[in-house]
Amino acid sequence: MLFPTLDFALFFIAVFVFGWALRGHAGPRKLVLLAASYFFYGFWDWRFLALLAGSSAVNYAAGALLARTGGDRARRRLVAAALVANLGTLGFFKYYGFFIDSLADLLLSVGFQRDMPFLEIILPVGISFFTFQGISYVVDVYRGHMKPVASPVDLFLYISFFPQLVAGPIVRGSDFLPQLAKPPQLARTAAVYGFLLILAGMLKKTVVAHYIAVDLVDPAFEDPAAFGSADLVAAHYAYAIQVYCDFSGYSDIAIGTAALLGFRFKKNFDRPFSATSMQQLWQRWHISLSTWLRDYLYRALRGRRREAGWRMHRNVFLTMLLGGLWHGANWTFVIWGSILGAALVVERVVKGRWRAWRAALAGAPAEGESRTGAVLGAAAGWFVTFHIFTLAAVFFRSPDIDVAANYFAQMFSGAGGIALFTPFLLLLTAGSVAVQFLPGNAIERTAERLHSLSALSLGLLLGFGLLAIEFAGPEGVAPFVYFQF
């Protein structure tokens, strides 16, 4: 069930009506939302409902046992068991085929050919996202950042809540669960904010991402040798915009949908293509995953010691490497994560030496020179950051390393003319980068300005927005990119 479809619209209307009709009855309302979430997930493939319920049950039991267990060693064992259950399940469904194929290739390369236990495994949609939510809940309970929930319904609803279930954002239990304990409220501004987010998400997904993908990116990566360098250069820029509009569009719709049901989620993207450093970019891109990797992977690698020097750089690199592998069972994702991890390490080293060099200089530059230098430095930082990200994205998009190599070879060959890249696609690509430099709270400010309008005026305005997007977009809705992760 895709968001921008009639099926989802009818489904959400029913959930909205029943959810708010039961706003004064917390228990029945939770059960309705839970049933709706399982219906939503079962609409994809009912066979994986048991997997979702099993994941929720394991993490609920782990949290309950942690509350009753004394002694740090016993608690660590409980957490370890929960992590093995979560990551083992994720690893089997997501990486079994990758590791078996890689092992078979390795054995063949050294002269051994063996029959391997190949299995045709279907990847459950959203498994990475609800697994990461379960892990964050158990670890937060272990660390004392939150208390375990008493009711299994609360935990099951937290892990399966349908707006963010299949493609995020990754919501923390400490943010979501306390909202279940409060009576839901839907102020006019919050409702307008939710509708505006949904409109923005639909525009990004059904118009910008769709046209860029179908008319430029997909043909270019399908057969790079068939197109000229100019088309491939444009397509590699455009793909970064496609992924951003596709995934941030989904996040906007998810956050807006949750807002209309009375839940507040944190922003998942914050103008990442205006970032002037790799560190800043990852503070703005897929924020829920970046902070999850920081809090639950990077911190685990660091341990309790205060890190510095090569240990810190090693842990940063490993975090990005494993973050790349999280995106999929393919060597292209390993390379993608390695490039971005190396870029972060190099950036940290260069900045550290630059600060040391500036501190060693006697005196200070004039104020005008300082401002000019800051502007030029920010522009250079943006240019380098943007191009590292877009060039690395070629590996992210390519189905295998050979396609990526062929793409780069043709892109830098200087051959051929322009067959794919049109003025319309230029407008979509350049415009999507330009809006990154608008204020980060533009939607919130717009919602505040519109909240005073009458219900009729708001309805007409939002209805016109939906019709305009429907008219501007092509027929049909392609699956969201991050459904495969």
Protein backbone atom coordinates (compact mmCIF):
# COMPACT_ATOMS: atom_id res chain seq x y z
CA MET A 1 0.00 0.00 0.00
CA LEU A 2 1.83 3.08 -1.26
CA PHE A 3 1.21 6.47 0.33
CA PRO A 4 0.15 8.49 -2.76
CA THR A 5 -2.62 6.07 -3.79
CA LEU A 6 -6.40 5.84 -3.44
CA ASP A 7 -6.05 2.66 -1.35
CA PHE A 8 -4.00 4.47 1.27
CA ALA A 9 -6.28 7.53 1.20
CA LEU A 10 -9.33 5.38 2.02
CA PHE A 11 -7.38 3.46 4.63
CA PHE A 12 -6.14 6.62 6.33
CA ILE A 13 -9.57 8.27 6.35
CA ALA A 14 -10.95 5.26 8.23
CA VAL A 15 -8.04 5.27 10.71
CA PHE A 16 -8.36 9.03 11.19
CA VAL A 17 -12.10 8.85 11.92
CA PHE A 18 -11.90 5.92 14.35
CA GLY A 19 -8.69 7.18 15.95
CA TRP A 20 -10.13 10.55 16.85
CA ALA A 21 -13.54 9.12 17.76
CA LEU A 22 -11.71 7.12 20.47
CA ARG A 23 -9.42 9.94 21.62
CA GLY A 24 -10.94 9.82 25.10
CA HIS A 25 -10.42 6.05 25.38
CA ALA A 26 -6.70 5.32 25.39
CA GLY A 27 -6.88 1.53 25.44
CA PRO A 28 -9.32 1.02 22.55
CA ARG A 29 -7.56 3.74 20.52
CA LYS A 30 -4.22 1.95 20.83
CA LEU A 31 -5.83 -1.31 19.74
CA VAL A 32 -7.38 0.38 16.69
CA LEU A 33 -4.04 1.92 15.69
CA LEU A 34 -2.29 -1.42 16.27
CA ALA A 35 -4.84 -3.32 14.18
CA ALA A 36 -4.57 -0.68 11.44
CA SER A 37 -0.78 -0.94 11.46
CA TYR A 38 -0.87 -4.73 11.11
CA PHE A 39 -3.44 -4.43 8.32
CA PHE A 40 -1.17 -1.92 6.58
CA TYR A 41 1.83 -4.24 6.85
CA GLY A 42 -0.17 -7.31 5.89
CA PHE A 43 -1.31 -5.49 2.76
CA TRP A 44 2.28 -5.86 1.51
CA ASP A 45 2.64 -9.54 2.40
CA TRP A 46 0.57 -11.13 5.16
CA ARG A 47 3.15 -13.90 5.61
CA PHE A 48 5.51 -11.50 7.40
CA LEU A 49 3.02 -10.44 10.06
CA ALA A 50 4.37 -13.22 12.29
CA LEU A 51 7.89 -11.82 11.82
CA LEU A 52 6.77 -8.35 12.89
CA ALA A 53 4.91 -9.74 15.91
CA GLY A 54 7.85 -11.98 16.83
CA SER A 55 10.27 -9.06 16.73
CA SER A 56 7.97 -7.03 18.95
CA ALA A 57 7.53 -9.92 21.40
CA VAL A 58 11.29 -10.51 21.72
CA ASN A 59 12.00 -6.86 22.45
CA TYR A 60 9.10 -6.53 24.88
CA ALA A 61 10.32 -9.61 26.78
CA ALA A 62 13.89 -8.29 26.81
CA GLY A 63 12.76 -4.96 28.27
CA ALA A 64 10.61 -6.65 30.91
CA LEU A 65 13.43 -9.01 31.93
CA LEU A 66 15.93 -6.15 32.16
CA ALA A 67 13.64 -4.42 34.66
CA ARG A 68 13.64 -7.51 36.88
CA THR A 69 17.29 -8.45 36.56
CA GLY A 70 20.04 -7.27 38.89
CA GLY A 71 23.75 -7.44 38.25
CA ASP A 72 25.48 -5.89 35.29
CA ARG A 73 26.75 -9.20 33.88
CA ALA A 74 23.29 -10.74 33.73
CA ARG A 75 21.87 -7.57 32.17
CA ARG A 76 24.63 -7.53 29.54
CA ARG A 77 23.79 -11.13 28.67
CA LEU A 78 20.14 -10.22 28.23
CA VAL A 79 21.01 -7.33 25.93
CA ALA A 80 23.41 -9.55 23.98
CA ALA A 81 20.70 -12.18 23.52
CA ALA A 82 18.23 -9.56 22.30
CA LEU A 83 20.82 -8.17 19.87
CA VAL A 84 21.59 -11.64 18.53
CA ALA A 85 17.87 -12.30 17.99
CA ASN A 86 17.32 -8.96 16.24
CA LEU A 87 20.48 -8.84 14.16
CA GLY A 88 20.39 -12.57 13.44
CA THR A 89 16.93 -12.27 11.93
CA LEU A 90 17.90 -9.16 9.98
CA GLY A 91 21.11 -10.78 8.78
CA PHE A 92 19.38 -13.95 7.59
CA PHE A 93 16.78 -12.17 5.49
CA LYS A 94 19.00 -9.38 4.22
CA TYR A 95 22.50 -10.83 3.89
CA TYR A 96 22.28 -14.63 3.61
CA GLY A 97 22.35 -14.65 -0.18
CA PHE A 98 25.13 -12.03 -0.30
CA PHE A 99 27.45 -13.99 1.98
CA ILE A 100 26.73 -17.33 0.31
CA ASP A 101 27.42 -15.84 -3.14
CA SER A 102 30.61 -14.17 -1.89
CA LEU A 103 31.79 -17.40 -0.22
CA ALA A 104 31.12 -19.39 -3.38
CA ASP A 105 33.10 -16.88 -5.47
CA LEU A 106 35.97 -16.95 -2.95
CA LEU A 107 36.18 -20.76 -2.95
CA LEU A 108 36.03 -20.84 -6.72
CA SER A 109 38.86 -18.29 -6.98
CA VAL A 110 41.19 -20.55 -4.96
CA GLY A 111 40.28 -23.70 -6.88
CA PHE A 112 37.50 -25.14 -4.73
CA GLN A 113 34.00 -25.61 -6.11
CA ARG A 114 31.35 -26.64 -3.64
CA ASP A 115 27.59 -26.94 -3.70
CA MET A 116 26.38 -24.09 -1.48
CA PRO A 117 23.06 -23.99 0.41
CA PHE A 118 21.41 -21.37 -1.80
CA LEU A 119 17.93 -20.26 -0.74
CA GLU A 120 15.44 -17.99 -2.44
CA ILE A 121 14.73 -15.51 0.35
CA ILE A 122 12.17 -12.71 0.08
CA LEU A 123 13.25 -9.55 1.91
CA PRO A 124 10.43 -8.41 4.21
CA VAL A 125 9.65 -4.75 3.56
CA GLY A 126 10.74 -2.48 6.40
CA ILE A 127 12.66 -5.15 8.33
CA SER A 128 15.69 -2.89 8.85
CA PHE A 129 13.57 -0.07 10.24
CA PHE A 130 11.48 -2.01 12.75
CA THR A 131 14.54 -4.05 13.79
CA PHE A 132 16.51 -0.89 14.54
CA GLN A 133 13.58 0.49 16.55
CA GLY A 134 13.48 -2.69 18.62
CA ILE A 135 17.24 -2.55 19.25
CA SER A 136 17.10 1.10 20.32
CA TYR A 137 14.31 0.29 22.80
CA VAL A 138 16.22 -2.58 24.45
CA VAL A 139 19.52 -0.67 24.61
CA ASP A 140 17.84 2.45 25.99
CA VAL A 141 16.19 0.39 28.72
CA TYR A 142 19.55 -1.24 29.52
CA ARG A 143 21.31 2.14 29.67
CA GLY A 144 18.60 3.57 31.92
CA HIS A 145 17.49 6.18 29.40
CA MET A 146 13.90 4.99 29.68
CA LYS A 147 11.77 2.56 31.66
CA PRO A 148 10.32 -0.55 29.99
CA VAL A 149 6.67 -0.33 29.04
CA ALA A 150 4.19 -2.23 31.17
CA SER A 151 1.72 -3.01 28.41
CA PRO A 152 2.77 -5.15 25.42
CA VAL A 153 0.24 -3.22 23.31
CA ASP A 154 2.34 -0.07 23.72
CA LEU A 155 5.52 -1.79 22.57
CA PHE A 156 3.81 -3.60 19.69
CA LEU A 157 2.27 -0.32 18.51
CA TYR A 158 5.59 1.51 18.81
CA ILE A 159 7.39 -0.98 16.58
CA SER A 160 4.57 -1.39 14.04
CA PHE A 161 3.05 2.13 13.84
CA PHE A 162 2.20 2.31 10.14
CA PRO A 163 3.37 5.84 9.10
CA GLN A 164 7.05 5.02 9.67
CA LEU A 165 6.89 1.21 9.57
CA VAL A 166 8.24 0.35 6.12
CA ALA A 167 10.76 3.15 5.40
CA GLY A 168 11.25 5.19 8.54
CA PRO A 169 12.02 7.56 10.03
CA ILE A 170 13.52 5.44 12.81
CA VAL A 171 11.57 6.63 15.84
CA ARG A 172 12.99 6.25 19.35
CA GLY A 173 10.88 4.66 22.05
CA SER A 174 11.75 7.54 24.37
CA ASP A 175 10.06 9.91 21.89
CA PHE A 176 7.06 7.80 20.88
CA LEU A 177 5.99 5.88 23.99
CA PRO A 178 5.42 8.92 26.27
CA GLN A 179 2.99 10.26 23.65
CA LEU A 180 0.80 7.19 24.17
CA ALA A 181 0.37 8.15 27.82
CA LYS A 182 -1.12 11.57 26.98
CA PRO A 183 -4.54 12.37 25.53
CA PRO A 184 -4.07 13.14 21.82
CA GLN A 185 -4.59 16.68 20.62
CA LEU A 186 -4.82 18.11 17.13
CA ALA A 187 -4.44 21.88 17.10
CA ARG A 188 -5.21 23.80 13.92
CA THR A 189 -1.55 24.64 13.33
CA ALA A 190 -0.50 21.01 13.79
CA ALA A 191 -3.15 19.85 11.32
CA VAL A 192 -2.09 22.40 8.72
CA TYR A 193 1.55 21.45 9.31
CA GLY A 194 0.69 17.80 8.72
CA PHE A 195 -1.17 18.55 5.49
CA LEU A 196 1.64 20.78 4.21
CA LEU A 197 4.21 18.06 4.90
CA ILE A 198 2.09 15.55 3.00
CA LEU A 199 1.78 17.93 0.05
CA ALA A 200 5.52 18.62 0.07
CA GLY A 201 6.28 14.90 0.25
CA MET A 202 3.94 14.09 -2.62
CA LEU A 203 5.44 16.86 -4.76
CA LYS A 204 8.96 15.53 -4.14
CA LYS A 205 8.03 11.93 -4.80
CA THR A 206 5.38 11.91 -7.50
CA VAL A 207 6.72 14.81 -9.55
CA VAL A 208 10.42 15.57 -9.01
CA ALA A 209 11.77 12.10 -8.15
CA HIS A 210 9.55 10.34 -10.67
CA TYR A 211 10.43 12.47 -13.70
CA ILE A 212 14.15 12.49 -12.86
CA ALA A 213 14.19 8.71 -12.43
CA VAL A 214 12.16 7.72 -15.47
CA ASP A 215 13.46 10.29 -17.98
CA LEU A 216 17.12 10.51 -16.97
CA VAL A 217 18.59 8.34 -14.23
CA ASP A 218 17.13 4.93 -15.08
CA PRO A 219 18.12 5.02 -18.78
CA ALA A 220 21.59 6.35 -17.96
CA PHE A 221 22.39 3.61 -15.46
CA GLU A 222 20.71 0.91 -17.52
CA ASP A 223 23.23 1.31 -20.33
CA PRO A 224 25.90 3.99 -19.67
CA ALA A 225 27.70 3.23 -22.95
CA ALA A 226 24.64 4.33 -24.94
CA PHE A 227 24.85 7.95 -23.78
CA GLY A 228 27.33 10.77 -23.84
CA SER A 229 29.37 12.24 -21.02
CA ALA A 230 27.07 15.24 -20.61
CA ASP A 231 24.03 13.03 -20.01
CA LEU A 232 25.93 10.89 -17.50
CA VAL A 233 27.28 13.92 -15.64
CA ALA A 234 23.74 15.28 -15.42
CA ALA A 235 22.35 11.89 -14.37
CA HIS A 236 24.86 11.47 -11.54
CA TYR A 237 23.84 14.86 -10.13
CA ALA A 238 20.18 14.11 -10.72
CA TYR A 239 20.33 10.75 -8.98
CA ALA A 240 21.37 12.40 -5.71
CA ILE A 241 18.35 14.69 -6.08
CA GLN A 242 16.11 11.72 -6.91
CA VAL A 243 17.14 9.81 -3.78
CA TYR A 244 16.70 12.91 -1.64
CA CYS A 245 13.26 13.76 -3.04
CA ASP A 246 12.14 10.13 -2.93
CA PHE A 247 13.21 9.41 0.64
CA SER A 248 12.65 12.82 2.21
CA GLY A 249 9.29 12.83 0.42
CA TYR A 250 8.36 9.56 2.11
CA SER A 251 9.57 10.92 5.46
CA ASP A 252 7.50 14.09 5.00
CA ILE A 253 4.36 12.08 4.27
CA ALA A 254 5.05 9.76 7.23
CA ILE A 255 5.65 12.65 9.65
CA GLY A 256 2.63 14.54 8.32
CA THR A 257 0.39 11.47 8.58
CA ALA A 258 1.51 10.87 12.15
CA ALA A 259 0.87 14.54 12.97
CA LEU A 260 -2.74 14.22 11.76
CA LEU A 261 -3.15 11.33 14.22
CA GLY A 262 -1.77 13.40 17.08
CA PHE A 263 1.86 12.21 17.10
CA ARG A 264 4.92 14.41 16.73
CA PHE A 265 7.98 12.98 14.97
CA LYS A 266 11.33 14.68 14.60
CA LYS A 267 12.50 15.99 11.25
CA ASN A 268 14.37 13.39 9.20
CA PHE A 269 15.96 15.66 6.56
CA ASP A 270 17.10 19.24 7.00
CA ARG A 271 18.40 20.73 3.72
CA PRO A 272 21.39 18.36 3.42
CA PHE A 273 22.53 19.76 0.06
CA SER A 274 23.28 23.12 1.65
CA ALA A 275 25.84 21.49 3.96
CA THR A 276 29.39 22.86 3.81
CA SER A 277 31.08 19.76 5.26
CA MET A 278 30.59 16.01 5.26
CA GLN A 279 29.95 16.03 9.00
CA GLN A 280 27.24 18.66 8.57
CA LEU A 281 25.70 16.74 5.67
CA TRP A 282 25.29 13.61 7.81
CA GLN A 283 23.75 15.71 10.55
CA ARG A 284 21.07 16.69 8.03
CA TRP A 285 20.62 13.57 5.87
CA HIS A 286 18.41 10.71 7.13
CA ILE A 287 18.83 12.16 10.61
CA SER A 288 17.10 9.27 12.36
CA LEU A 289 19.59 6.77 10.89
CA SER A 290 22.64 8.99 11.36
CA THR A 291 21.85 9.55 15.03
CA TRP A 292 21.00 5.84 15.47
CA LEU A 293 24.40 4.84 14.08
CA ARG A 294 26.06 7.42 16.33
CA ASP A 295 24.27 6.35 19.52
CA TYR A 296 24.15 2.58 19.08
CA LEU A 297 27.04 1.65 16.76
CA TYR A 298 29.69 4.37 17.09
CA ARG A 299 29.23 4.52 20.85
CA ALA A 300 29.52 0.71 21.08
CA LEU A 301 32.75 0.79 19.06
CA ARG A 302 34.11 3.57 21.25
CA GLY A 303 33.29 1.86 24.54
CA ARG A 304 33.74 3.76 27.78
CA ARG A 305 37.17 5.16 27.01
CA ARG A 306 37.72 8.69 25.80
CA GLU A 307 38.90 8.25 22.24
CA ALA A 308 41.29 10.34 20.19
CA GLY A 309 43.59 10.03 17.21
CA TRP A 310 43.49 6.91 15.06
CA ARG A 311 40.94 5.12 17.26
CA MET A 312 38.40 7.86 16.67
CA HIS A 313 39.10 7.87 12.93
CA ARG A 314 38.86 4.08 12.81
CA ASN A 315 35.49 4.10 14.55
CA VAL A 316 34.13 6.85 12.29
CA PHE A 317 35.20 4.87 9.23
CA LEU A 318 33.75 1.59 10.53
CA THR A 319 30.46 3.27 11.39
CA MET A 320 30.08 4.59 7.85
CA LEU A 321 31.23 1.28 6.36
CA LEU A 322 28.62 -0.66 8.32
CA GLY A 323 26.07 2.05 7.56
CA GLY A 324 26.76 1.45 3.88
CA LEU A 325 26.32 -2.30 4.29
CA TRP A 326 23.02 -1.65 6.12
CA HIS A 327 21.64 -0.26 2.86
CA GLY A 328 21.98 -3.56 1.07
CA ALA A 329 23.83 -6.81 0.49
CA ASN A 330 26.07 -5.62 -2.32
CA TRP A 331 29.73 -4.67 -2.64
CA THR A 332 28.66 -1.36 -4.16
CA PHE A 333 27.18 -0.34 -0.81
CA VAL A 334 30.40 -1.35 0.94
CA ILE A 335 32.37 0.89 -1.44
CA TRP A 336 29.85 3.70 -0.99
CA GLY A 337 30.13 3.56 2.79
CA SER A 338 33.94 3.31 2.60
CA ILE A 339 34.20 6.42 0.40
CA LEU A 340 32.02 8.48 2.72
CA GLY A 341 33.77 7.12 5.82
CA ALA A 342 37.18 7.98 4.37
CA ALA A 343 35.92 11.45 3.44
CA LEU A 344 34.78 12.06 7.02
CA VAL A 345 38.14 10.93 8.39
CA VAL A 346 40.12 13.08 5.96
CA GLU A 347 37.89 16.06 6.74
CA ARG A 348 38.48 15.65 10.48
CA VAL A 349 42.25 15.39 10.00
CA VAL A 350 42.43 18.41 7.69
CA LYS A 351 40.26 20.55 9.97
CA GLY A 352 42.33 19.58 12.99
CA ARG A 353 45.58 20.55 11.30
CA TRP A 354 44.04 23.74 9.92
CA ARG A 355 42.99 24.84 13.41
CA ALA A 356 46.42 24.03 14.76
CA TRP A 357 48.06 26.03 11.97
CA ARG A 358 45.76 29.03 12.54
CA ALA A 359 46.45 28.92 16.28
CA ALA A 360 50.17 28.98 15.60
CA LEU A 361 49.95 32.12 13.47
CA ALA A 362 50.78 35.37 15.17
CA GLY A 363 48.14 38.10 14.93
CA ALA A 364 44.72 37.95 13.25
CA PRO A 365 43.47 38.89 9.77
CA ALA A 366 41.50 42.03 9.19
CA GLU A 367 37.73 41.81 9.70
CA GLY A 368 36.97 42.20 5.99
CA GLU A 369 39.45 39.48 5.08
CA SER A 370 38.01 37.20 7.73
CA ARG A 371 34.48 37.53 6.34
CA THR A 372 35.64 37.05 2.78
CA GLY A 373 37.64 34.03 3.81
CA ALA A 374 34.65 32.57 5.63
CA VAL A 375 32.43 32.97 2.56
CA LEU A 376 35.01 31.48 0.23
CA GLY A 377 35.68 28.66 2.68
CA ALA A 378 31.97 27.86 2.97
CA ALA A 379 31.59 27.88 -0.84
CA ALA A 380 34.59 25.59 -1.27
CA GLY A 381 33.31 23.31 1.50
CA TRP A 382 29.90 23.08 -0.15
CA PHE A 383 31.41 22.33 -3.56
CA VAL A 384 33.66 19.55 -2.26
CA THR A 385 30.96 18.04 -0.02
CA PHE A 386 28.31 18.02 -2.74
CA HIS A 387 30.61 16.37 -5.27
CA ILE A 388 31.91 13.71 -2.91
CA PHE A 389 28.31 12.77 -2.16
CA THR A 390 27.12 12.76 -5.78
CA LEU A 391 30.14 10.84 -7.11
CA ALA A 392 29.83 8.23 -4.35
CA ALA A 393 26.13 7.93 -5.21
CA VAL A 394 27.09 6.32 -8.53
CA PHE A 395 28.07 3.21 -6.53
CA PHE A 396 24.86 3.50 -4.50
CA ARG A 397 22.76 3.40 -7.69
CA SER A 398 24.75 0.87 -9.71
CA PRO A 399 23.61 -2.78 -9.49
CA ASP A 400 27.23 -3.99 -9.41
CA ILE A 401 30.81 -2.74 -9.53
CA ASP A 402 31.18 -3.34 -13.28
CA VAL A 403 28.27 -1.01 -14.06
CA ALA A 404 29.75 1.66 -11.78
CA ALA A 405 33.16 1.33 -13.46
CA ASN A 406 31.61 1.58 -16.92
CA TYR A 407 29.56 4.58 -15.82
CA PHE A 408 32.63 6.47 -14.59
CA ALA A 409 34.65 5.54 -17.69
CA GLN A 410 31.96 6.84 -20.03
CA MET A 411 31.23 9.91 -17.90
CA PHE A 412 34.86 11.06 -17.99
CA SER A 413 35.42 10.10 -21.63
CA GLY A 414 34.13 13.40 -22.99
CA ALA A 415 32.33 11.59 -25.81
CA GLY A 416 28.82 11.96 -27.18
CA GLY A 417 26.15 14.61 -27.13
CA ILE A 418 23.03 15.26 -25.07
CA ALA A 419 20.08 12.91 -25.58
CA LEU A 420 18.39 12.70 -22.17
CA PHE A 421 18.97 15.91 -20.26
CA THR A 422 16.24 18.45 -21.08
CA PRO A 423 15.59 22.00 -19.80
CA PHE A 424 12.71 20.60 -17.73
CA LEU A 425 15.02 18.13 -15.97
CA LEU A 426 17.57 20.90 -15.46
CA LEU A 427 14.84 22.97 -13.78
CA LEU A 428 13.88 20.09 -11.49
CA THR A 429 17.49 19.28 -10.56
CA ALA A 430 18.79 22.83 -10.09
CA GLY A 431 15.57 23.96 -8.41
CA SER A 432 15.75 21.11 -5.90
CA VAL A 433 19.28 22.19 -4.94
CA ALA A 434 18.30 25.87 -4.77
CA VAL A 435 15.42 25.33 -2.31
CA GLN A 436 17.92 23.70 0.07
CA PHE A 437 19.11 27.22 0.90
CA LEU A 438 15.68 28.41 2.08
CA PRO A 439 15.06 28.71 5.84
CA GLY A 440 14.79 25.33 7.52
CA ASN A 441 11.47 26.17 9.20
CA ALA A 442 9.67 27.31 6.05
CA ILE A 443 6.86 24.76 6.37
CA GLU A 444 6.33 25.51 10.07
CA ARG A 445 6.14 29.24 9.36
CA THR A 446 3.70 28.66 6.51
CA ALA A 447 1.50 26.54 8.78
CA GLU A 448 1.42 29.32 11.38
CA ARG A 449 0.35 31.84 8.75
CA LEU A 450 -2.40 29.59 7.37
CA HIS A 451 -3.90 28.39 10.66
CA SER A 452 -6.16 31.43 10.91
CA LEU A 453 -7.97 30.58 7.67
CA SER A 454 -11.41 29.01 7.89
CA ALA A 455 -11.81 25.27 7.59
CA LEU A 456 -13.44 25.74 4.17
CA SER A 457 -10.60 27.92 2.89
CA LEU A 458 -7.99 25.49 4.17
CA GLY A 459 -9.81 22.57 2.61
CA LEU A 460 -10.03 24.30 -0.75
CA LEU A 461 -6.37 25.34 -0.62
CA LEU A 462 -5.13 21.88 0.28
CA GLY A 463 -7.48 20.24 -2.22
CA PHE A 464 -6.17 22.50 -4.95
CA GLY A 465 -2.62 21.53 -3.97
CA LEU A 466 -3.43 17.83 -4.27
CA LEU A 467 -5.09 18.31 -7.65
CA ALA A 468 -2.15 20.35 -8.92
CA ILE A 469 0.30 17.64 -7.89
CA GLU A 470 -1.91 14.97 -9.44
CA PHE A 471 -2.08 16.95 -12.67
CA ALA A 472 1.68 17.65 -12.76
CA GLY A 473 2.79 14.12 -11.96
CA PRO A 474 2.94 11.20 -14.40
CA GLU A 475 0.50 8.32 -14.28
CA GLY A 476 1.21 5.69 -11.64
CA VAL A 477 3.45 5.73 -8.57
CA ALA A 478 6.82 4.01 -8.49
CA PRO A 479 7.83 2.23 -5.25
CA PHE A 480 9.89 4.32 -2.86
CA VAL A 481 13.65 3.76 -3.16
CA TYR A 482 14.14 2.92 0.51
CA PHE A 483 11.57 0.11 0.49
CA GLN A 484 14.42 -2.17 -0.62
CA PHE A 485 16.42 -1.40 2.52
